[in-house]
PDB file of N, CA and C in Angstrom:
ATOM      1  N   MET A   1      -4.145 -10.823 -16.654  1.00  0.00           N
ATOM      2  CA  MET A   1      -4.250 -10.374 -15.290  1.00  0.00           C
ATOM      3  C   MET A   1      -5.179 -11.137 -14.526  1.00  0.00           C
ATOM      4  N   PRO A   2      -6.455 -11.398 -14.951  1.00  0.00           N
ATOM      5  CA  PRO A   2      -7.295 -12.306 -14.114  1.00  0.00           C
ATOM      6  C   PRO A   2      -6.792 -13.620 -13.787  1.00  0.00           C
ATOM      7  N   SER A   3      -6.058 -14.262 -14.623  1.00  0.00           N
ATOM      8  CA  SER A   3      -5.372 -15.499 -14.314  1.00  0.00           C
ATOM      9  C   SER A   3      -4.348 -15.415 -13.171  1.00  0.00           C
ATOM     10  N   ALA A   4      -3.558 -14.198 -13.262  1.00  0.00           N
ATOM     11  CA  ALA A   4      -2.600 -14.083 -12.178  1.00  0.00           C
ATOM     12  C   ALA A   4      -3.410 -13.999 -10.732  1.00  0.00           C
ATOM     13  N   LEU A   5      -4.391 -13.156 -10.839  1.00  0.00           N
ATOM     14  CA  LEU A   5      -5.248 -12.914  -9.547  1.00  0.00           C
ATOM     15  C   LEU A   5      -5.777 -14.307  -9.032  1.00  0.00           C
ATOM     16  N   THR A   6      -6.219 -15.154  -9.938  1.00  0.00           N
ATOM     17  CA  THR A   6      -6.642 -16.494  -9.464  1.00  0.00           C
ATOM     18  C   THR A   6      -5.540 -17.199  -8.839  1.00  0.00           C
ATOM     19  N   TYR A   7      -4.339 -17.240  -9.424  1.00  0.00           N
ATOM     20  CA  TYR A   7      -3.199 -17.909  -8.860  1.00  0.00           C
ATOM     21  C   TYR A   7      -2.801 -17.317  -7.402  1.00  0.00           C
ATOM     22  N   LEU A   8      -2.937 -16.032  -7.392  1.00  0.00           N
ATOM     23  CA  LEU A   8      -2.556 -15.425  -6.098  1.00  0.00           C
ATOM     24  C   LEU A   8      -3.549 -15.690  -4.975  1.00  0.00           C
ATOM     25  N   VAL A   9      -4.794 -15.637  -5.363  1.00  0.00           N
ATOM     26  CA  VAL A   9      -5.876 -16.116  -4.437  1.00  0.00           C
ATOM     27  C   VAL A   9      -5.635 -17.450  -3.984  1.00  0.00           C
ATOM     28  N   GLY A  10      -5.335 -18.403  -4.882  1.00  0.00           N
ATOM     29  CA  GLY A  10      -5.038 -19.699  -4.559  1.00  0.00           C
ATOM     30  C   GLY A  10      -3.811 -19.845  -3.514  1.00  0.00           C
ATOM     31  N   GLY A  11      -2.804 -19.143  -3.920  1.00  0.00           N
ATOM     32  CA  GLY A  11      -1.590 -19.083  -3.108  1.00  0.00           C
ATOM     33  C   GLY A  11      -1.781 -18.585  -1.831  1.00  0.00           C
ATOM     34  N   THR A  12      -2.485 -17.478  -1.578  1.00  0.00           N
ATOM     35  CA  THR A  12      -2.837 -16.965  -0.193  1.00  0.00           C
ATOM     36  C   THR A  12      -3.682 -17.887   0.515  1.00  0.00           C
ATOM     37  N   GLY A  13      -4.585 -18.666  -0.188  1.00  0.00           N
ATOM     38  CA  GLY A  13      -5.431 -19.706   0.524  1.00  0.00           C
ATOM     39  C   GLY A  13      -4.793 -20.824   1.056  1.00  0.00           C
ATOM     40  N   LEU A  14      -3.463 -21.045   0.439  1.00  0.00           N
ATOM     41  CA  LEU A  14      -2.635 -22.255   0.948  1.00  0.00           C
ATOM     42  C   LEU A  14      -1.768 -21.872   2.074  1.00  0.00           C
ATOM     43  N   LEU A  15      -1.631 -20.464   2.531  1.00  0.00           N
ATOM     44  CA  LEU A  15      -0.756 -20.231   3.587  1.00  0.00           C
ATOM     45  C   LEU A  15      -1.303 -20.644   4.930  1.00  0.00           C
ATOM     46  N   ALA A  16      -0.376 -20.984   5.801  1.00  0.00           N
ATOM     47  CA  ALA A  16      -0.939 -21.280   7.253  1.00  0.00           C
ATOM     48  C   ALA A  16      -1.257 -20.190   7.849  1.00  0.00           C
ATOM     49  N   GLU A  17      -2.045 -20.308   9.038  1.00  0.00           N
ATOM     50  CA  GLU A  17      -2.579 -19.233   9.740  1.00  0.00           C
ATOM     51  C   GLU A  17      -1.400 -18.305  10.363  1.00  0.00           C
ATOM     52  N   ASP A  18      -0.246 -18.923  10.691  1.00  0.00           N
ATOM     53  CA  ASP A  18       0.826 -18.197  11.247  1.00  0.00           C
ATOM     54  C   ASP A  18       1.823 -17.819  10.164  1.00  0.00           C
ATOM     55  N   SER A  19       1.417 -17.548   8.908  1.00  0.00           N
ATOM     56  CA  SER A  19       2.283 -17.210   7.801  1.00  0.00           C
ATOM     57  C   SER A  19       2.883 -15.906   8.026  1.00  0.00           C
ATOM     58  N   TRP A  20       2.212 -14.983   8.580  1.00  0.00           N
ATOM     59  CA  TRP A  20       2.683 -13.556   8.780  1.00  0.00           C
ATOM     60  C   TRP A  20       3.911 -13.616   9.607  1.00  0.00           C
ATOM     61  N   GLU A  21       3.958 -14.568  10.668  1.00  0.00           N
ATOM     62  CA  GLU A  21       5.012 -14.657  11.577  1.00  0.00           C
ATOM     63  C   GLU A  21       6.070 -15.442  10.950  1.00  0.00           C
ATOM     64  N   ARG A  22       5.848 -16.573  10.431  1.00  0.00           N
ATOM     65  CA  ARG A  22       6.801 -17.621  10.011  1.00  0.00           C
ATOM     66  C   ARG A  22       7.346 -17.321   8.510  1.00  0.00           C
ATOM     67  N   ARG A  23       6.489 -16.703   7.694  1.00  0.00           N
ATOM     68  CA  ARG A  23       6.964 -16.486   6.203  1.00  0.00           C
ATOM     69  C   ARG A  23       6.431 -15.178   5.785  1.00  0.00           C
ATOM     70  N   HIS A  24       6.906 -14.101   6.640  1.00  0.00           N
ATOM     71  CA  HIS A  24       6.416 -12.767   6.218  1.00  0.00           C
ATOM     72  C   HIS A  24       6.696 -12.344   4.809  1.00  0.00           C
ATOM     73  N   GLU A  25       7.856 -12.537   4.349  1.00  0.00           N
ATOM     74  CA  GLU A  25       8.274 -12.090   2.967  1.00  0.00           C
ATOM     75  C   GLU A  25       7.339 -12.642   1.977  1.00  0.00           C
ATOM     76  N   LEU A  26       7.157 -14.046   2.021  1.00  0.00           N
ATOM     77  CA  LEU A  26       6.257 -14.620   1.020  1.00  0.00           C
ATOM     78  C   LEU A  26       4.805 -14.099   1.199  1.00  0.00           C
ATOM     79  N   THR A  27       4.278 -14.033   2.409  1.00  0.00           N
ATOM     80  CA  THR A  27       2.859 -13.730   2.556  1.00  0.00           C
ATOM     81  C   THR A  27       2.674 -12.170   2.176  1.00  0.00           C
ATOM     82  N   PHE A  28       3.666 -11.312   2.417  1.00  0.00           N
ATOM     83  CA  PHE A  28       3.626  -9.911   2.058  1.00  0.00           C
ATOM     84  C   PHE A  28       3.683  -9.921   0.575  1.00  0.00           C
ATOM     85  N   ALA A  29       4.537 -10.614  -0.211  1.00  0.00           N
ATOM     86  CA  ALA A  29       4.651 -10.631  -1.648  1.00  0.00           C
ATOM     87  C   ALA A  29       3.363 -11.061  -2.244  1.00  0.00           C
ATOM     88  N   LEU A  30       2.757 -12.198  -1.864  1.00  0.00           N
ATOM     89  CA  LEU A  30       1.497 -12.666  -2.379  1.00  0.00           C
ATOM     90  C   LEU A  30       0.346 -11.649  -2.173  1.00  0.00           C
ATOM     91  N   GLU A  31       0.259 -11.129  -0.967  1.00  0.00           N
ATOM     92  CA  GLU A  31      -0.945 -10.153  -0.711  1.00  0.00           C
ATOM     93  C   GLU A  31      -0.601  -8.876  -1.527  1.00  0.00           C
ATOM     94  N   LEU A  32       0.525  -8.315  -1.604  1.00  0.00           N
ATOM     95  CA  LEU A  32       0.831  -7.163  -2.478  1.00  0.00           C
ATOM     96  C   LEU A  32       0.546  -7.321  -3.889  1.00  0.00           C
ATOM     97  N   ASN A  33       0.994  -8.466  -4.344  1.00  0.00           N
ATOM     98  CA  ASN A  33       0.709  -8.686  -5.791  1.00  0.00           C
ATOM     99  C   ASN A  33      -0.771  -9.012  -6.046  1.00  0.00           C
ATOM    100  N   ARG A  34      -1.463  -9.549  -4.972  1.00  0.00           N
ATOM    101  CA  ARG A  34      -2.905  -9.717  -5.186  1.00  0.00           C
ATOM    102  C   ARG A  34      -3.574  -8.426  -5.209  1.00  0.00           C
ATOM    103  N   ALA A  35      -3.211  -7.471  -4.309  1.00  0.00           N
ATOM    104  CA  ALA A  35      -3.812  -6.123  -4.354  1.00  0.00           C
ATOM    105  C   ALA A  35      -3.571  -5.435  -5.564  1.00  0.00           C
ATOM    106  N   GLU A  36      -2.414  -5.620  -6.252  1.00  0.00           N
ATOM    107  CA  GLU A  36      -2.102  -4.911  -7.468  1.00  0.00           C
ATOM    108  C   GLU A  36      -2.945  -5.465  -8.579  1.00  0.00           C
ATOM    109  N   CYS A  37      -3.204  -6.826  -8.615  1.00  0.00           N
ATOM    110  CA  CYS A  37      -4.038  -7.501  -9.572  1.00  0.00           C
ATOM    111  C   CYS A  37      -5.536  -6.970  -9.439  1.00  0.00           C
ATOM    112  N   GLU A  38      -5.930  -6.845  -8.218  1.00  0.00           N
ATOM    113  CA  GLU A  38      -7.245  -6.428  -7.900  1.00  0.00           C
ATOM    114  C   GLU A  38      -7.440  -5.067  -8.459  1.00  0.00           C
ATOM    115  N   PHE A  39      -6.485  -4.169  -8.146  1.00  0.00           N
ATOM    116  CA  PHE A  39      -6.545  -2.757  -8.577  1.00  0.00           C
ATOM    117  C   PHE A  39      -6.623  -2.738 -10.190  1.00  0.00           C
ATOM    118  N   LEU A  40      -5.696  -3.474 -10.873  1.00  0.00           N
ATOM    119  CA  LEU A  40      -5.731  -3.538 -12.217  1.00  0.00           C
ATOM    120  C   LEU A  40      -6.898  -4.214 -12.953  1.00  0.00           C
ATOM    121  N   THR A  41      -7.623  -5.000 -12.252  1.00  0.00           N
ATOM    122  CA  THR A  41      -8.693  -5.781 -12.802  1.00  0.00           C
ATOM    123  C   THR A  41     -10.092  -5.106 -12.523  1.00  0.00           C
ATOM    124  N   GLY A  42      -9.833  -3.825 -11.713  1.00  0.00           N
ATOM    125  CA  GLY A  42     -11.144  -3.245 -11.418  1.00  0.00           C
ATOM    126  C   GLY A  42     -11.835  -3.483 -10.081  1.00  0.00           C
ATOM    127  N   ALA A  43     -11.247  -4.259  -9.341  1.00  0.00           N
ATOM    128  CA  ALA A  43     -11.759  -4.673  -7.949  1.00  0.00           C
ATOM    129  C   ALA A  43     -11.022  -3.688  -7.046  1.00  0.00           C
ATOM    130  N   ARG A  44     -11.301  -2.398  -7.289  1.00  0.00           N
ATOM    131  CA  ARG A  44     -10.612  -1.387  -6.423  1.00  0.00           C
ATOM    132  C   ARG A  44     -10.917  -1.301  -4.952  1.00  0.00           C
ATOM    133  N   ALA A  45     -12.129  -1.650  -4.685  1.00  0.00           N
ATOM    134  CA  ALA A  45     -12.535  -1.617  -3.298  1.00  0.00           C
ATOM    135  C   ALA A  45     -11.813  -2.770  -2.506  1.00  0.00           C
ATOM    136  N   ASP A  46     -11.528  -4.004  -3.201  1.00  0.00           N
ATOM    137  CA  ASP A  46     -10.853  -4.947  -2.558  1.00  0.00           C
ATOM    138  C   ASP A  46      -9.434  -4.552  -2.398  1.00  0.00           C
ATOM    139  N   ALA A  47      -8.864  -4.115  -3.382  1.00  0.00           N
ATOM    140  CA  ALA A  47      -7.406  -3.583  -3.485  1.00  0.00           C
ATOM    141  C   ALA A  47      -7.240  -2.541  -2.327  1.00  0.00           C
ATOM    142  N   GLU A  48      -8.186  -1.601  -2.204  1.00  0.00           N
ATOM    143  CA  GLU A  48      -8.004  -0.652  -1.140  1.00  0.00           C
ATOM    144  C   GLU A  48      -8.017  -1.201   0.311  1.00  0.00           C
ATOM    145  N   ARG A  49      -8.906  -2.257   0.478  1.00  0.00           N
ATOM    146  CA  ARG A  49      -8.905  -2.968   1.799  1.00  0.00           C
ATOM    147  C   ARG A  49      -7.571  -3.728   2.071  1.00  0.00           C
ATOM    148  N   ARG A  50      -7.194  -4.424   1.023  1.00  0.00           N
ATOM    149  CA  ARG A  50      -5.854  -5.098   1.132  1.00  0.00           C
ATOM    150  C   ARG A  50      -4.764  -4.333   1.504  1.00  0.00           C
ATOM    151  N   LEU A  51      -4.542  -3.099   0.595  1.00  0.00           N
ATOM    152  CA  LEU A  51      -3.467  -2.290   0.848  1.00  0.00           C
ATOM    153  C   LEU A  51      -3.490  -1.631   2.165  1.00  0.00           C
ATOM    154  N   ALA A  52      -4.619  -1.301   2.761  1.00  0.00           N
ATOM    155  CA  ALA A  52      -4.784  -0.734   4.017  1.00  0.00           C
ATOM    156  C   ALA A  52      -4.325  -1.700   5.057  1.00  0.00           C
ATOM    157  N   ALA A  53      -4.571  -2.985   4.913  1.00  0.00           N
ATOM    158  CA  ALA A  53      -4.164  -4.013   5.768  1.00  0.00           C
ATOM    159  C   ALA A  53      -2.593  -4.217   5.700  1.00  0.00           C
ATOM    160  N   LEU A  54      -2.113  -4.230   4.414  1.00  0.00           N
ATOM    161  CA  LEU A  54      -0.710  -4.278   4.293  1.00  0.00           C
ATOM    162  C   LEU A  54       0.088  -3.313   4.830  1.00  0.00           C
ATOM    163  N   SER A  55      -0.460  -2.062   4.752  1.00  0.00           N
ATOM    164  CA  SER A  55       0.323  -0.893   5.364  1.00  0.00           C
ATOM    165  C   SER A  55       0.531  -1.051   6.814  1.00  0.00           C
ATOM    166  N   ASN A  56      -0.306  -1.877   7.492  1.00  0.00           N
ATOM    167  CA  ASN A  56      -0.031  -2.059   8.842  1.00  0.00           C
ATOM    168  C   ASN A  56       0.774  -3.285   9.045  1.00  0.00           C
ATOM    169  N   ARG A  57       1.047  -4.107   8.007  1.00  0.00           N
ATOM    170  CA  ARG A  57       1.898  -5.302   8.207  1.00  0.00           C
ATOM    171  C   ARG A  57       3.257  -5.187   7.668  1.00  0.00           C
ATOM    172  N   ALA A  58       3.570  -3.981   6.961  1.00  0.00           N
ATOM    173  CA  ALA A  58       4.827  -3.711   6.378  1.00  0.00           C
ATOM    174  C   ALA A  58       5.824  -3.614   7.493  1.00  0.00           C
ATOM    175  N   ARG A  59       6.989  -4.320   7.321  1.00  0.00           N
ATOM    176  CA  ARG A  59       8.015  -4.199   8.369  1.00  0.00           C
ATOM    177  C   ARG A  59       9.138  -3.426   8.008  1.00  0.00           C
ATOM    178  N   THR A  60       9.461  -3.295   6.734  1.00  0.00           N
ATOM    179  CA  THR A  60      10.690  -2.503   6.386  1.00  0.00           C
ATOM    180  C   THR A  60      10.281  -1.172   5.698  1.00  0.00           C
ATOM    181  N   THR A  61      11.291  -0.332   5.492  1.00  0.00           N
ATOM    182  CA  THR A  61      11.083   0.885   4.780  1.00  0.00           C
ATOM    183  C   THR A  61      10.533   0.584   3.330  1.00  0.00           C
ATOM    184  N   GLU A  62      11.373  -0.307   2.680  1.00  0.00           N
ATOM    185  CA  GLU A  62      10.914  -0.818   1.349  1.00  0.00           C
ATOM    186  C   GLU A  62       9.487  -1.269   1.230  1.00  0.00           C
ATOM    187  N   GLU A  63       9.056  -2.062   2.129  1.00  0.00           N
ATOM    188  CA  GLU A  63       7.735  -2.649   2.177  1.00  0.00           C
ATOM    189  C   GLU A  63       6.704  -1.401   2.299  1.00  0.00           C
ATOM    190  N   ARG A  64       6.999  -0.495   3.188  1.00  0.00           N
ATOM    191  CA  ARG A  64       6.091   0.669   3.548  1.00  0.00           C
ATOM    192  C   ARG A  64       5.927   1.415   2.193  1.00  0.00           C
ATOM    193  N   ALA A  65       7.313   1.677   1.593  1.00  0.00           N
ATOM    194  CA  ALA A  65       7.318   2.571   0.342  1.00  0.00           C
ATOM    195  C   ALA A  65       6.410   1.828  -0.811  1.00  0.00           C
ATOM    196  N   THR A  66       6.506   0.540  -0.971  1.00  0.00           N
ATOM    197  CA  THR A  66       5.937  -0.112  -2.022  1.00  0.00           C
ATOM    198  C   THR A  66       4.351   0.005  -1.863  1.00  0.00           C
ATOM    199  N   VAL A  67       4.009  -0.241  -0.617  1.00  0.00           N
ATOM    200  CA  VAL A  67       2.498  -0.100  -0.438  1.00  0.00           C
ATOM    201  C   VAL A  67       1.962   1.428  -0.463  1.00  0.00           C
ATOM    202  N   ALA A  68       2.722   2.263  -0.020  1.00  0.00           N
ATOM    203  CA  ALA A  68       2.353   3.706  -0.205  1.00  0.00           C
ATOM    204  C   ALA A  68       2.326   4.122  -1.635  1.00  0.00           C
ATOM    205  N   CYS A  69       3.165   3.694  -2.472  1.00  0.00           N
ATOM    206  CA  CYS A  69       3.074   3.996  -3.855  1.00  0.00           C
ATOM    207  C   CYS A  69       1.905   3.278  -4.658  1.00  0.00           C
ATOM    208  N   LEU A  70       1.640   2.160  -4.374  1.00  0.00           N
ATOM    209  CA  LEU A  70       0.483   1.527  -4.858  1.00  0.00           C
ATOM    210  C   LEU A  70      -0.842   2.166  -4.289  1.00  0.00           C
ATOM    211  N   ARG A  71      -0.895   2.405  -3.082  1.00  0.00           N
ATOM    212  CA  ARG A  71      -2.007   3.177  -2.584  1.00  0.00           C
ATOM    213  C   ARG A  71      -2.323   4.492  -3.122  1.00  0.00           C
ATOM    214  N   ALA A  72      -1.239   5.254  -3.393  1.00  0.00           N
ATOM    215  CA  ALA A  72      -1.225   6.583  -4.063  1.00  0.00           C
ATOM    216  C   ALA A  72      -1.705   6.420  -5.454  1.00  0.00           C
ATOM    217  N   ASP A  73      -1.118   5.300  -6.222  1.00  0.00           N
ATOM    218  CA  ASP A  73      -1.648   5.194  -7.653  1.00  0.00           C
ATOM    219  C   ASP A  73      -3.257   4.836  -7.538  1.00  0.00           C
ATOM    220  N   LEU A  74      -3.678   3.971  -6.668  1.00  0.00           N
ATOM    221  CA  LEU A  74      -5.163   3.664  -6.529  1.00  0.00           C
ATOM    222  C   LEU A  74      -5.795   4.974  -6.373  1.00  0.00           C
ATOM    223  N   TYR A  75      -5.597   5.739  -5.340  1.00  0.00           N
ATOM    224  CA  TYR A  75      -6.332   6.981  -5.124  1.00  0.00           C
ATOM    225  C   TYR A  75      -6.213   7.914  -6.213  1.00  0.00           C
ATOM    226  N   MET A  76      -5.166   8.106  -6.895  1.00  0.00           N
ATOM    227  CA  MET A  76      -5.137   8.994  -8.056  1.00  0.00           C
ATOM    228  C   MET A  76      -6.121   8.457  -9.154  1.00  0.00           C
ATOM    229  N   THR A  77      -6.094   7.266  -9.333  1.00  0.00           N
ATOM    230  CA  THR A  77      -6.964   6.611 -10.316  1.00  0.00           C
ATOM    231  C   THR A  77      -8.516   6.855 -10.054  1.00  0.00           C
ATOM    232  N   LEU A  78      -8.803   6.727  -8.746  1.00  0.00           N
ATOM    233  CA  LEU A  78     -10.125   7.093  -8.247  1.00  0.00           C
ATOM    234  C   LEU A  78     -10.353   8.458  -8.058  1.00  0.00           C
ATOM    235  N   ASP A  79      -9.445   9.396  -8.562  1.00  0.00           N
ATOM    236  CA  ASP A  79      -9.626  10.931  -8.629  1.00  0.00           C
ATOM    237  C   ASP A  79      -9.773  11.218  -7.171  1.00  0.00           C
ATOM    238  N   GLN A  80      -9.018  10.675  -6.188  1.00  0.00           N
ATOM    239  CA  GLN A  80      -9.037  11.073  -4.755  1.00  0.00           C
ATOM    240  C   GLN A  80      -7.554  11.630  -4.452  1.00  0.00           C
ATOM    241  N   SER A  81      -7.137  12.637  -5.101  1.00  0.00           N
ATOM    242  CA  SER A  81      -5.776  13.053  -4.895  1.00  0.00           C
ATOM    243  C   SER A  81      -5.545  13.463  -3.376  1.00  0.00           C
ATOM    244  N   SER A  82      -6.492  14.060  -2.611  1.00  0.00           N
ATOM    245  CA  SER A  82      -6.145  14.367  -1.314  1.00  0.00           C
ATOM    246  C   SER A  82      -5.739  12.994  -0.544  1.00  0.00           C
ATOM    247  N   ARG A  83      -6.457  12.002  -0.770  1.00  0.00           N
ATOM    248  CA  ARG A  83      -6.010  10.769  -0.054  1.00  0.00           C
ATOM    249  C   ARG A  83      -4.663  10.207  -0.550  1.00  0.00           C
ATOM    250  N   ALA A  84      -4.417  10.381  -1.810  1.00  0.00           N
ATOM    251  CA  ALA A  84      -3.049  10.083  -2.353  1.00  0.00           C
ATOM    252  C   ALA A  84      -1.960  10.810  -1.634  1.00  0.00           C
ATOM    253  N   VAL A  85      -2.236  12.148  -1.489  1.00  0.00           N
ATOM    254  CA  VAL A  85      -1.272  13.045  -0.656  1.00  0.00           C
ATOM    255  C   VAL A  85      -1.165  12.513   0.624  1.00  0.00           C
ATOM    256  N   ALA A  86      -2.274  12.399   1.387  1.00  0.00           N
ATOM    257  CA  ALA A  86      -2.262  11.858   2.719  1.00  0.00           C
ATOM    258  C   ALA A  86      -1.395  10.548   2.952  1.00  0.00           C
ATOM    259  N   VAL A  87      -1.500   9.608   1.959  1.00  0.00           N
ATOM    260  CA  VAL A  87      -0.691   8.478   1.991  1.00  0.00           C
ATOM    261  C   VAL A  87       0.722   8.747   1.986  1.00  0.00           C
ATOM    262  N   GLY A  88       1.159   9.682   1.055  1.00  0.00           N
ATOM    263  CA  GLY A  88       2.632   9.958   0.842  1.00  0.00           C
ATOM    264  C   GLY A  88       3.184  10.704   2.035  1.00  0.00           C
ATOM    265  N   LEU A  89       2.240  11.673   2.647  1.00  0.00           N
ATOM    266  CA  LEU A  89       2.580  12.380   3.837  1.00  0.00           C
ATOM    267  C   LEU A  89       2.814  11.379   5.104  1.00  0.00           C
ATOM    268  N   ASP A  90       1.937  10.362   5.132  1.00  0.00           N
ATOM    269  CA  ASP A  90       2.063   9.464   6.186  1.00  0.00           C
ATOM    270  C   ASP A  90       3.415   8.716   6.094  1.00  0.00           C
ATOM    271  N   TYR A  91       3.656   8.267   4.847  1.00  0.00           N
ATOM    272  CA  TYR A  91       4.889   7.551   4.609  1.00  0.00           C
ATOM    273  C   TYR A  91       6.125   8.442   5.088  1.00  0.00           C
ATOM    274  N   LEU A  92       6.158   9.760   4.705  1.00  0.00           N
ATOM    275  CA  LEU A  92       7.238  10.609   4.992  1.00  0.00           C
ATOM    276  C   LEU A  92       7.211  10.842   6.592  1.00  0.00           C
ATOM    277  N   ARG A  93       6.154  10.857   7.284  1.00  0.00           N
ATOM    278  CA  ARG A  93       6.100  10.948   8.725  1.00  0.00           C
ATOM    279  C   ARG A  93       6.868   9.714   9.252  1.00  0.00           C
ATOM    280  N   HIS A  94       6.636   8.597   8.740  1.00  0.00           N
ATOM    281  CA  HIS A  94       7.358   7.381   9.220  1.00  0.00           C
ATOM    282  C   HIS A  94       8.865   7.524   9.029  1.00  0.00           C
ATOM    283  N   LEU A  95       9.298   8.208   8.025  1.00  0.00           N
ATOM    284  CA  LEU A  95      10.689   8.609   7.938  1.00  0.00           C
ATOM    285  C   LEU A  95      11.249   9.663   8.732  1.00  0.00           C
ATOM    286  N   GLY A  96      10.441  10.210   9.576  1.00  0.00           N
ATOM    287  CA  GLY A  96      10.768  11.492  10.325  1.00  0.00           C
ATOM    288  C   GLY A  96      10.612  12.681   9.713  1.00  0.00           C
ATOM    289  N   ILE A  97       9.910  12.823   8.576  1.00  0.00           N
ATOM    290  CA  ILE A  97       9.712  14.033   7.833  1.00  0.00           C
ATOM    291  C   ILE A  97       8.227  14.431   8.016  1.00  0.00           C
ATOM    292  N   ASP A  98       7.924  15.550   8.486  1.00  0.00           N
ATOM    293  CA  ASP A  98       6.715  16.018   8.787  1.00  0.00           C
ATOM    294  C   ASP A  98       6.365  17.234   7.826  1.00  0.00           C
ATOM    295  N   TRP A  99       5.560  16.993   6.907  1.00  0.00           N
ATOM    296  CA  TRP A  99       5.165  17.988   5.927  1.00  0.00           C
ATOM    297  C   TRP A  99       3.699  18.331   6.057  1.00  0.00           C
ATOM    298  N   SER A 100       3.387  19.575   5.837  1.00  0.00           N
ATOM    299  CA  SER A 100       1.925  19.874   5.749  1.00  0.00           C
ATOM    300  C   SER A 100       1.297  19.469   4.465  1.00  0.00           C
ATOM    301  N   PRO A 101       0.026  19.176   4.503  1.00  0.00           N
ATOM    302  CA  PRO A 101      -0.638  18.850   3.151  1.00  0.00           C
ATOM    303  C   PRO A 101      -0.830  20.262   2.361  1.00  0.00           C
ATOM    304  N   HIS A 102      -0.915  21.351   3.217  1.00  0.00           N
ATOM    305  CA  HIS A 102      -1.147  22.660   2.569  1.00  0.00           C
ATOM    306  C   HIS A 102       0.119  23.717   2.943  1.00  0.00           C
ATOM    307  N   PRO A 103       1.151  23.487   2.151  1.00  0.00           N
ATOM    308  CA  PRO A 103       2.272  24.325   2.508  1.00  0.00           C
ATOM    309  C   PRO A 103       1.967  25.880   2.286  1.00  0.00           C
ATOM    310  N   THR A 104       2.712  26.676   2.955  1.00  0.00           N
ATOM    311  CA  THR A 104       2.626  28.169   2.750  1.00  0.00           C
ATOM    312  C   THR A 104       3.406  28.584   1.535  1.00  0.00           C
ATOM    313  N   GLU A 105       3.115  29.839   1.068  1.00  0.00           N
ATOM    314  CA  GLU A 105       3.859  30.339  -0.018  1.00  0.00           C
ATOM    315  C   GLU A 105       5.291  30.565   0.230  1.00  0.00           C
ATOM    316  N   ARG A 106       5.768  30.606   1.569  1.00  0.00           N
ATOM    317  CA  ARG A 106       7.174  30.785   1.696  1.00  0.00           C
ATOM    318  C   ARG A 106       7.833  29.463   1.586  1.00  0.00           C
ATOM    319  N   GLY A 107       7.217  28.401   1.378  1.00  0.00           N
ATOM    320  CA  GLY A 107       7.863  27.164   1.086  1.00  0.00           C
ATOM    321  C   GLY A 107       7.386  25.982   1.957  1.00  0.00           C
ATOM    322  N   SER A 108       8.038  25.068   2.038  1.00  0.00           N
ATOM    323  CA  SER A 108       7.607  23.844   2.818  1.00  0.00           C
ATOM    324  C   SER A 108       7.727  24.099   4.283  1.00  0.00           C
ATOM    325  N   THR A 109       6.821  23.447   5.080  1.00  0.00           N
ATOM    326  CA  THR A 109       6.903  23.563   6.469  1.00  0.00           C
ATOM    327  C   THR A 109       7.449  22.290   7.072  1.00  0.00           C
ATOM    328  N   ALA A 110       8.452  21.625   6.330  1.00  0.00           N
ATOM    329  CA  ALA A 110       9.014  20.452   6.671  1.00  0.00           C
ATOM    330  C   ALA A 110       9.797  20.515   8.057  1.00  0.00           C
ATOM    331  N   ARG A 111       9.469  19.597   8.988  1.00  0.00           N
ATOM    332  CA  ARG A 111      10.218  19.607  10.289  1.00  0.00           C
ATOM    333  C   ARG A 111      11.034  18.219  10.291  1.00  0.00           C
ATOM    334  N   VAL A 112      12.203  18.091  10.256  1.00  0.00           N
ATOM    335  CA  VAL A 112      13.048  16.935  10.367  1.00  0.00           C
ATOM    336  C   VAL A 112      13.655  16.749  11.725  1.00  0.00           C
TER     337      VAL A 112
END
């Protein structure tokens, strides 16, 4: 995994300044895989910063879902379940589903 991280750092370093506009898919993939490698090699603060930035760069529902899942995994690993739930709920809001983090006993308070 450290070798993969080295290659991903090198790859992102080779990208042009306008790579987010001209090569979004490639840039997103490199940054996402870099964040995952950082997470798995213990550089969790770096992974958290990178994933937060990626959540703002995601264009598609699939990209948003991928980032949300990795962020939730990171927060669960850090024993920050409330932050993991917040990430999931934020993703659902993007889809038009508004759930409360504290549902009542009567059931979900989802509003679609």
